[in-house]
Amino acid sequence: MKISKERLCVLQCRSGLTGAQVAAKAGLKPQSYSAVKNRGTCSAPTVAAIAAAFDVPVEEILESEV
């Protein structure tokens, strides 16, 4: 799934969490979270885990289709 790198960065900044802390909350390895941020894509379960870590709906981090 395609995610919005910008929204992910904004959520992380607002939360005040480091990448490693977000990864831990999402149940991911820090390297995996970093790869998702750099690639802008990941699996549906990973999107759900990251959204849950930020306590936002999945749609908030998905890339909008224009």
PDB file of N, CA and C in Angstrom:
ATOM      1  N   MET A   1       0.843  -1.172   0.000  1.00  0.00           N
ATOM      2  CA  MET A   1       0.000   0.000   0.000  1.00  0.00           C
ATOM      3  C   MET A   1       0.891   1.239   0.000  1.00  0.00           C
ATOM      4  N   LYS A   2       0.414   2.254  -0.674  1.00  0.00           N
ATOM      5  CA  LYS A   2       1.186   3.492  -0.766  1.00  0.00           C
ATOM      6  C   LYS A   2       0.799   4.412   0.389  1.00  0.00           C
ATOM      7  N   ILE A   3       1.815   4.874   1.101  1.00  0.00           N
ATOM      8  CA  ILE A   3       1.560   5.766   2.225  1.00  0.00           C
ATOM      9  C   ILE A   3       2.119   7.157   1.924  1.00  0.00           C
ATOM     10  N   SER A   4       1.597   8.131   2.630  1.00  0.00           N
ATOM     11  CA  SER A   4       2.078   9.500   2.475  1.00  0.00           C
ATOM     12  C   SER A   4       3.271   9.702   3.401  1.00  0.00           C
ATOM     13  N   LYS A   5       4.435   9.863   2.809  1.00  0.00           N
ATOM     14  CA  LYS A   5       5.645  10.099   3.609  1.00  0.00           C
ATOM     15  C   LYS A   5       5.506  11.377   4.420  1.00  0.00           C
ATOM     16  N   GLU A   6       4.894  12.392   3.808  1.00  0.00           N
ATOM     17  CA  GLU A   6       4.740  13.672   4.483  1.00  0.00           C
ATOM     18  C   GLU A   6       3.860  13.553   5.718  1.00  0.00           C
ATOM     19  N   ARG A   7       2.714  12.874   5.558  1.00  0.00           N
ATOM     20  CA  ARG A   7       1.809  12.719   6.704  1.00  0.00           C
ATOM     21  C   ARG A   7       2.454  11.893   7.801  1.00  0.00           C
ATOM     22  N   LEU A   8       3.221  10.888   7.399  1.00  0.00           N
ATOM     23  CA  LEU A   8       3.913  10.054   8.382  1.00  0.00           C
ATOM     24  C   LEU A   8       4.912  10.896   9.173  1.00  0.00           C
ATOM     25  N   CYS A   9       5.641  11.751   8.490  1.00  0.00           N
ATOM     26  CA  CYS A   9       6.603  12.623   9.170  1.00  0.00           C
ATOM     27  C   CYS A   9       5.908  13.603  10.103  1.00  0.00           C
ATOM     28  N   VAL A  10       4.778  14.165   9.649  1.00  0.00           N
ATOM     29  CA  VAL A  10       4.026  15.099  10.490  1.00  0.00           C
ATOM     30  C   VAL A  10       3.527  14.394  11.743  1.00  0.00           C
ATOM     31  N   LEU A  11       2.973  13.196  11.578  1.00  0.00           N
ATOM     32  CA  LEU A  11       2.470  12.452  12.734  1.00  0.00           C
ATOM     33  C   LEU A  11       3.601  12.145  13.712  1.00  0.00           C
ATOM     34  N   GLN A  12       4.735  11.764  13.181  1.00  0.00           N
ATOM     35  CA  GLN A  12       5.857  11.442  14.062  1.00  0.00           C
ATOM     36  C   GLN A  12       6.337  12.694  14.798  1.00  0.00           C
ATOM     37  N   CYS A  13       6.422  13.800  14.099  1.00  0.00           N
ATOM     38  CA  CYS A  13       6.846  15.052  14.749  1.00  0.00           C
ATOM     39  C   CYS A  13       5.863  15.475  15.828  1.00  0.00           C
ATOM     40  N   ARG A  14       4.571  15.401  15.514  1.00  0.00           N
ATOM     41  CA  ARG A  14       3.546  15.788  16.492  1.00  0.00           C
ATOM     42  C   ARG A  14       3.566  14.894  17.722  1.00  0.00           C
ATOM     43  N   SER A  15       3.868  13.618  17.514  1.00  0.00           N
ATOM     44  CA  SER A  15       3.857  12.675  18.634  1.00  0.00           C
ATOM     45  C   SER A  15       5.071  12.859  19.540  1.00  0.00           C
ATOM     46  N   GLY A  16       6.144  13.422  18.971  1.00  0.00           N
ATOM     47  CA  GLY A  16       7.366  13.593  19.741  1.00  0.00           C
ATOM     48  C   GLY A  16       8.143  12.301  19.914  1.00  0.00           C
ATOM     49  N   LEU A  17       7.768  11.276  19.162  1.00  0.00           N
ATOM     50  CA  LEU A  17       8.428   9.975  19.267  1.00  0.00           C
ATOM     51  C   LEU A  17       9.566   9.853  18.257  1.00  0.00           C
ATOM     52  N   THR A  18      10.577   9.111  18.636  1.00  0.00           N
ATOM     53  CA  THR A  18      11.646   8.792  17.691  1.00  0.00           C
ATOM     54  C   THR A  18      11.151   7.684  16.773  1.00  0.00           C
ATOM     55  N   GLY A  19      11.881   7.457  15.698  1.00  0.00           N
ATOM     56  CA  GLY A  19      11.530   6.362  14.798  1.00  0.00           C
ATOM     57  C   GLY A  19      11.542   5.022  15.512  1.00  0.00           C
ATOM     58  N   ALA A  20      12.510   4.827  16.402  1.00  0.00           N
ATOM     59  CA  ALA A  20      12.605   3.571  17.147  1.00  0.00           C
ATOM     60  C   ALA A  20      11.406   3.403  18.079  1.00  0.00           C
ATOM     61  N   GLN A  21      10.941   4.495  18.673  1.00  0.00           N
ATOM     62  CA  GLN A  21       9.782   4.423  19.560  1.00  0.00           C
ATOM     63  C   GLN A  21       8.506   4.114  18.786  1.00  0.00           C
ATOM     64  N   VAL A  22       8.353   4.717  17.609  1.00  0.00           N
ATOM     65  CA  VAL A  22       7.195   4.426  16.766  1.00  0.00           C
ATOM     66  C   VAL A  22       7.233   2.958  16.358  1.00  0.00           C
ATOM     67  N   ALA A  23       8.396   2.501  15.944  1.00  0.00           N
ATOM     68  CA  ALA A  23       8.551   1.102  15.534  1.00  0.00           C
ATOM     69  C   ALA A  23       8.154   0.166  16.668  1.00  0.00           C
ATOM     70  N   ALA A  24       8.609   0.457  17.876  1.00  0.00           N
ATOM     71  CA  ALA A  24       8.287  -0.388  19.029  1.00  0.00           C
ATOM     72  C   ALA A  24       6.780  -0.406  19.290  1.00  0.00           C
ATOM     73  N   LYS A  25       6.139   0.759  19.211  1.00  0.00           N
ATOM     74  CA  LYS A  25       4.687   0.828  19.424  1.00  0.00           C
ATOM     75  C   LYS A  25       3.923   0.065  18.350  1.00  0.00           C
ATOM     76  N   ALA A  26       4.482   0.039  17.133  1.00  0.00           N
ATOM     77  CA  ALA A  26       3.832  -0.644  16.017  1.00  0.00           C
ATOM     78  C   ALA A  26       4.210  -2.117  15.939  1.00  0.00           C
ATOM     79  N   GLY A  27       5.147  -2.542  16.786  1.00  0.00           N
ATOM     80  CA  GLY A  27       5.582  -3.943  16.749  1.00  0.00           C
ATOM     81  C   GLY A  27       6.497  -4.245  15.578  1.00  0.00           C
ATOM     82  N   LEU A  28       7.230  -3.223  15.126  1.00  0.00           N
ATOM     83  CA  LEU A  28       8.144  -3.368  14.000  1.00  0.00           C
ATOM     84  C   LEU A  28       9.582  -3.204  14.464  1.00  0.00           C
ATOM     85  N   LYS A  29      10.496  -3.681  13.651  1.00  0.00           N
ATOM     86  CA  LYS A  29      11.910  -3.398  13.886  1.00  0.00           C
ATOM     87  C   LYS A  29      12.160  -1.966  13.426  1.00  0.00           C
ATOM     88  N   PRO A  30      13.063  -1.255  14.100  1.00  0.00           N
ATOM     89  CA  PRO A  30      13.350   0.123  13.673  1.00  0.00           C
ATOM     90  C   PRO A  30      13.753   0.216  12.204  1.00  0.00           C
ATOM     91  N   GLN A  31      14.502  -0.783  11.728  1.00  0.00           N
ATOM     92  CA  GLN A  31      14.920  -0.770  10.318  1.00  0.00           C
ATOM     93  C   GLN A  31      13.716  -0.892   9.384  1.00  0.00           C
ATOM     94  N   SER A  32      12.722  -1.664   9.795  1.00  0.00           N
ATOM     95  CA  SER A  32      11.523  -1.828   8.967  1.00  0.00           C
ATOM     96  C   SER A  32      10.737  -0.531   8.883  1.00  0.00           C
ATOM     97  N   TYR A  33      10.588   0.142  10.019  1.00  0.00           N
ATOM     98  CA  TYR A  33       9.871   1.419  10.020  1.00  0.00           C
ATOM     99  C   TYR A  33      10.607   2.446   9.160  1.00  0.00           C
ATOM    100  N   SER A  34      11.917   2.471   9.275  1.00  0.00           N
ATOM    101  CA  SER A  34      12.724   3.386   8.468  1.00  0.00           C
ATOM    102  C   SER A  34      12.551   3.091   6.978  1.00  0.00           C
ATOM    103  N   ALA A  35      12.529   1.818   6.623  1.00  0.00           N
ATOM    104  CA  ALA A  35      12.352   1.426   5.218  1.00  0.00           C
ATOM    105  C   ALA A  35      10.993   1.865   4.703  1.00  0.00           C
ATOM    106  N   VAL A  36       9.959   1.727   5.529  1.00  0.00           N
ATOM    107  CA  VAL A  36       8.614   2.158   5.136  1.00  0.00           C
ATOM    108  C   VAL A  36       8.612   3.663   4.885  1.00  0.00           C
ATOM    109  N   LYS A  37       9.229   4.429   5.782  1.00  0.00           N
ATOM    110  CA  LYS A  37       9.288   5.883   5.613  1.00  0.00           C
ATOM    111  C   LYS A  37      10.027   6.262   4.336  1.00  0.00           C
ATOM    112  N   ASN A  38      11.097   5.553   4.024  1.00  0.00           N
ATOM    113  CA  ASN A  38      11.892   5.878   2.838  1.00  0.00           C
ATOM    114  C   ASN A  38      11.213   5.435   1.548  1.00  0.00           C
ATOM    115  N   ARG A  39      10.609   4.240   1.546  1.00  0.00           N
ATOM    116  CA  ARG A  39       9.976   3.697   0.342  1.00  0.00           C
ATOM    117  C   ARG A  39       8.620   4.319   0.068  1.00  0.00           C
ATOM    118  N   GLY A  40       7.873   4.550   1.164  1.00  0.00           N
ATOM    119  CA  GLY A  40       6.514   5.060   0.996  1.00  0.00           C
ATOM    120  C   GLY A  40       5.517   3.966   0.671  1.00  0.00           C
ATOM    121  N   THR A  41       5.903   2.716   0.884  1.00  0.00           N
ATOM    122  CA  THR A  41       4.993   1.597   0.663  1.00  0.00           C
ATOM    123  C   THR A  41       5.200   0.548   1.752  1.00  0.00           C
ATOM    124  N   CYS A  42       4.132  -0.202   2.005  1.00  0.00           N
ATOM    125  CA  CYS A  42       4.222  -1.329   2.934  1.00  0.00           C
ATOM    126  C   CYS A  42       2.954  -2.155   2.812  1.00  0.00           C
ATOM    127  N   SER A  43       2.914  -3.248   3.535  1.00  0.00           N
ATOM    128  CA  SER A  43       1.757  -4.141   3.494  1.00  0.00           C
ATOM    129  C   SER A  43       0.598  -3.553   4.302  1.00  0.00           C
ATOM    130  N   ALA A  44      -0.589  -4.067   4.056  1.00  0.00           N
ATOM    131  CA  ALA A  44      -1.771  -3.604   4.785  1.00  0.00           C
ATOM    132  C   ALA A  44      -1.630  -3.796   6.299  1.00  0.00           C
ATOM    133  N   PRO A  45      -1.145  -4.959   6.768  1.00  0.00           N
ATOM    134  CA  PRO A  45      -0.986  -5.113   8.220  1.00  0.00           C
ATOM    135  C   PRO A  45       0.001  -4.105   8.817  1.00  0.00           C
ATOM    136  N   THR A  46       1.038  -3.753   8.066  1.00  0.00           N
ATOM    137  CA  THR A  46       2.014  -2.781   8.561  1.00  0.00           C
ATOM    138  C   THR A  46       1.399  -1.389   8.618  1.00  0.00           C
ATOM    139  N   VAL A  47       0.609  -1.029   7.613  1.00  0.00           N
ATOM    140  CA  VAL A  47      -0.091   0.264   7.637  1.00  0.00           C
ATOM    141  C   VAL A  47      -0.990   0.324   8.866  1.00  0.00           C
ATOM    142  N   ALA A  48      -1.717  -0.755   9.117  1.00  0.00           N
ATOM    143  CA  ALA A  48      -2.621  -0.791  10.271  1.00  0.00           C
ATOM    144  C   ALA A  48      -1.849  -0.647  11.578  1.00  0.00           C
ATOM    145  N   ALA A  49      -0.695  -1.300  11.678  1.00  0.00           N
ATOM    146  CA  ALA A  49       0.111  -1.235  12.896  1.00  0.00           C
ATOM    147  C   ALA A  49       0.654   0.170  13.123  1.00  0.00           C
ATOM    148  N   ILE A  50       1.105   0.812  12.058  1.00  0.00           N
ATOM    149  CA  ILE A  50       1.642   2.173  12.189  1.00  0.00           C
ATOM    150  C   ILE A  50       0.518   3.143  12.556  1.00  0.00           C
ATOM    151  N   ALA A  51      -0.633   2.997  11.918  1.00  0.00           N
ATOM    152  CA  ALA A  51      -1.773   3.859  12.246  1.00  0.00           C
ATOM    153  C   ALA A  51      -2.164   3.684  13.715  1.00  0.00           C
ATOM    154  N   ALA A  52      -2.178   2.451  14.181  1.00  0.00           N
ATOM    155  CA  ALA A  52      -2.521   2.182  15.583  1.00  0.00           C
ATOM    156  C   ALA A  52      -1.487   2.809  16.521  1.00  0.00           C
ATOM    157  N   ALA A  53      -0.228   2.782  16.127  1.00  0.00           N
ATOM    158  CA  ALA A  53       0.827   3.372  16.957  1.00  0.00           C
ATOM    159  C   ALA A  53       0.614   4.871  17.134  1.00  0.00           C
ATOM    160  N   PHE A  54       0.077   5.520  16.098  1.00  0.00           N
ATOM    161  CA  PHE A  54      -0.202   6.958  16.173  1.00  0.00           C
ATOM    162  C   PHE A  54      -1.634   7.242  16.619  1.00  0.00           C
ATOM    163  N   ASP A  55      -2.428   6.171  16.798  1.00  0.00           N
ATOM    164  CA  ASP A  55      -3.831   6.302  17.204  1.00  0.00           C
ATOM    165  C   ASP A  55      -4.616   7.161  16.208  1.00  0.00           C
ATOM    166  N   VAL A  56      -4.439   6.840  14.921  1.00  0.00           N
ATOM    167  CA  VAL A  56      -5.168   7.529  13.857  1.00  0.00           C
ATOM    168  C   VAL A  56      -5.767   6.479  12.926  1.00  0.00           C
ATOM    169  N   PRO A  57      -6.787   6.842  12.153  1.00  0.00           N
ATOM    170  CA  PRO A  57      -7.332   5.897  11.168  1.00  0.00           C
ATOM    171  C   PRO A  57      -6.300   5.621  10.066  1.00  0.00           C
ATOM    172  N   VAL A  58      -6.364   4.448   9.509  1.00  0.00           N
ATOM    173  CA  VAL A  58      -5.437   4.052   8.437  1.00  0.00           C
ATOM    174  C   VAL A  58      -5.464   5.066   7.305  1.00  0.00           C
ATOM    175  N   GLU A  59      -6.639   5.564   6.984  1.00  0.00           N
ATOM    176  CA  GLU A  59      -6.789   6.507   5.870  1.00  0.00           C
ATOM    177  C   GLU A  59      -5.930   7.753   6.043  1.00  0.00           C
ATOM    178  N   GLU A  60      -5.606   8.078   7.277  1.00  0.00           N
ATOM    179  CA  GLU A  60      -4.830   9.291   7.532  1.00  0.00           C
ATOM    180  C   GLU A  60      -3.387   9.181   7.039  1.00  0.00           C
ATOM    181  N   ILE A  61      -2.872   7.967   6.924  1.00  0.00           N
ATOM    182  CA  ILE A  61      -1.495   7.831   6.453  1.00  0.00           C
ATOM    183  C   ILE A  61      -1.387   7.285   5.032  1.00  0.00           C
ATOM    184  N   LEU A  62      -2.517   6.926   4.442  1.00  0.00           N
ATOM    185  CA  LEU A  62      -2.484   6.450   3.056  1.00  0.00           C
ATOM    186  C   LEU A  62      -2.327   7.622   2.094  1.00  0.00           C
ATOM    187  N   GLU A  63      -1.631   7.374   1.000  1.00  0.00           N
ATOM    188  CA  GLU A  63      -1.473   8.392  -0.055  1.00  0.00           C
ATOM    189  C   GLU A  63      -2.809   8.561  -0.748  1.00  0.00           C
ATOM    190  N   SER A  64      -3.253   9.801  -0.904  1.00  0.00           N
ATOM    191  CA  SER A  64      -4.525  10.052  -1.584  1.00  0.00           C
ATOM    192  C   SER A  64      -4.361   9.845  -3.073  1.00  0.00           C
ATOM    193  N   GLU A  65      -5.376   9.251  -3.651  1.00  0.00           N
ATOM    194  CA  GLU A  65      -5.394   9.083  -5.107  1.00  0.00           C
ATOM    195  C   GLU A  65      -5.902  10.389  -5.715  1.00  0.00           C
ATOM    196  N   VAL A  66      -5.109  10.946  -6.631  1.00  0.00           N
ATOM    197  CA  VAL A  66      -5.523  12.219  -7.263  1.00  0.00           C
ATOM    198  C   VAL A  66      -5.789  11.989  -8.722  1.00  0.00           C
TER     199      VAL A  66
END
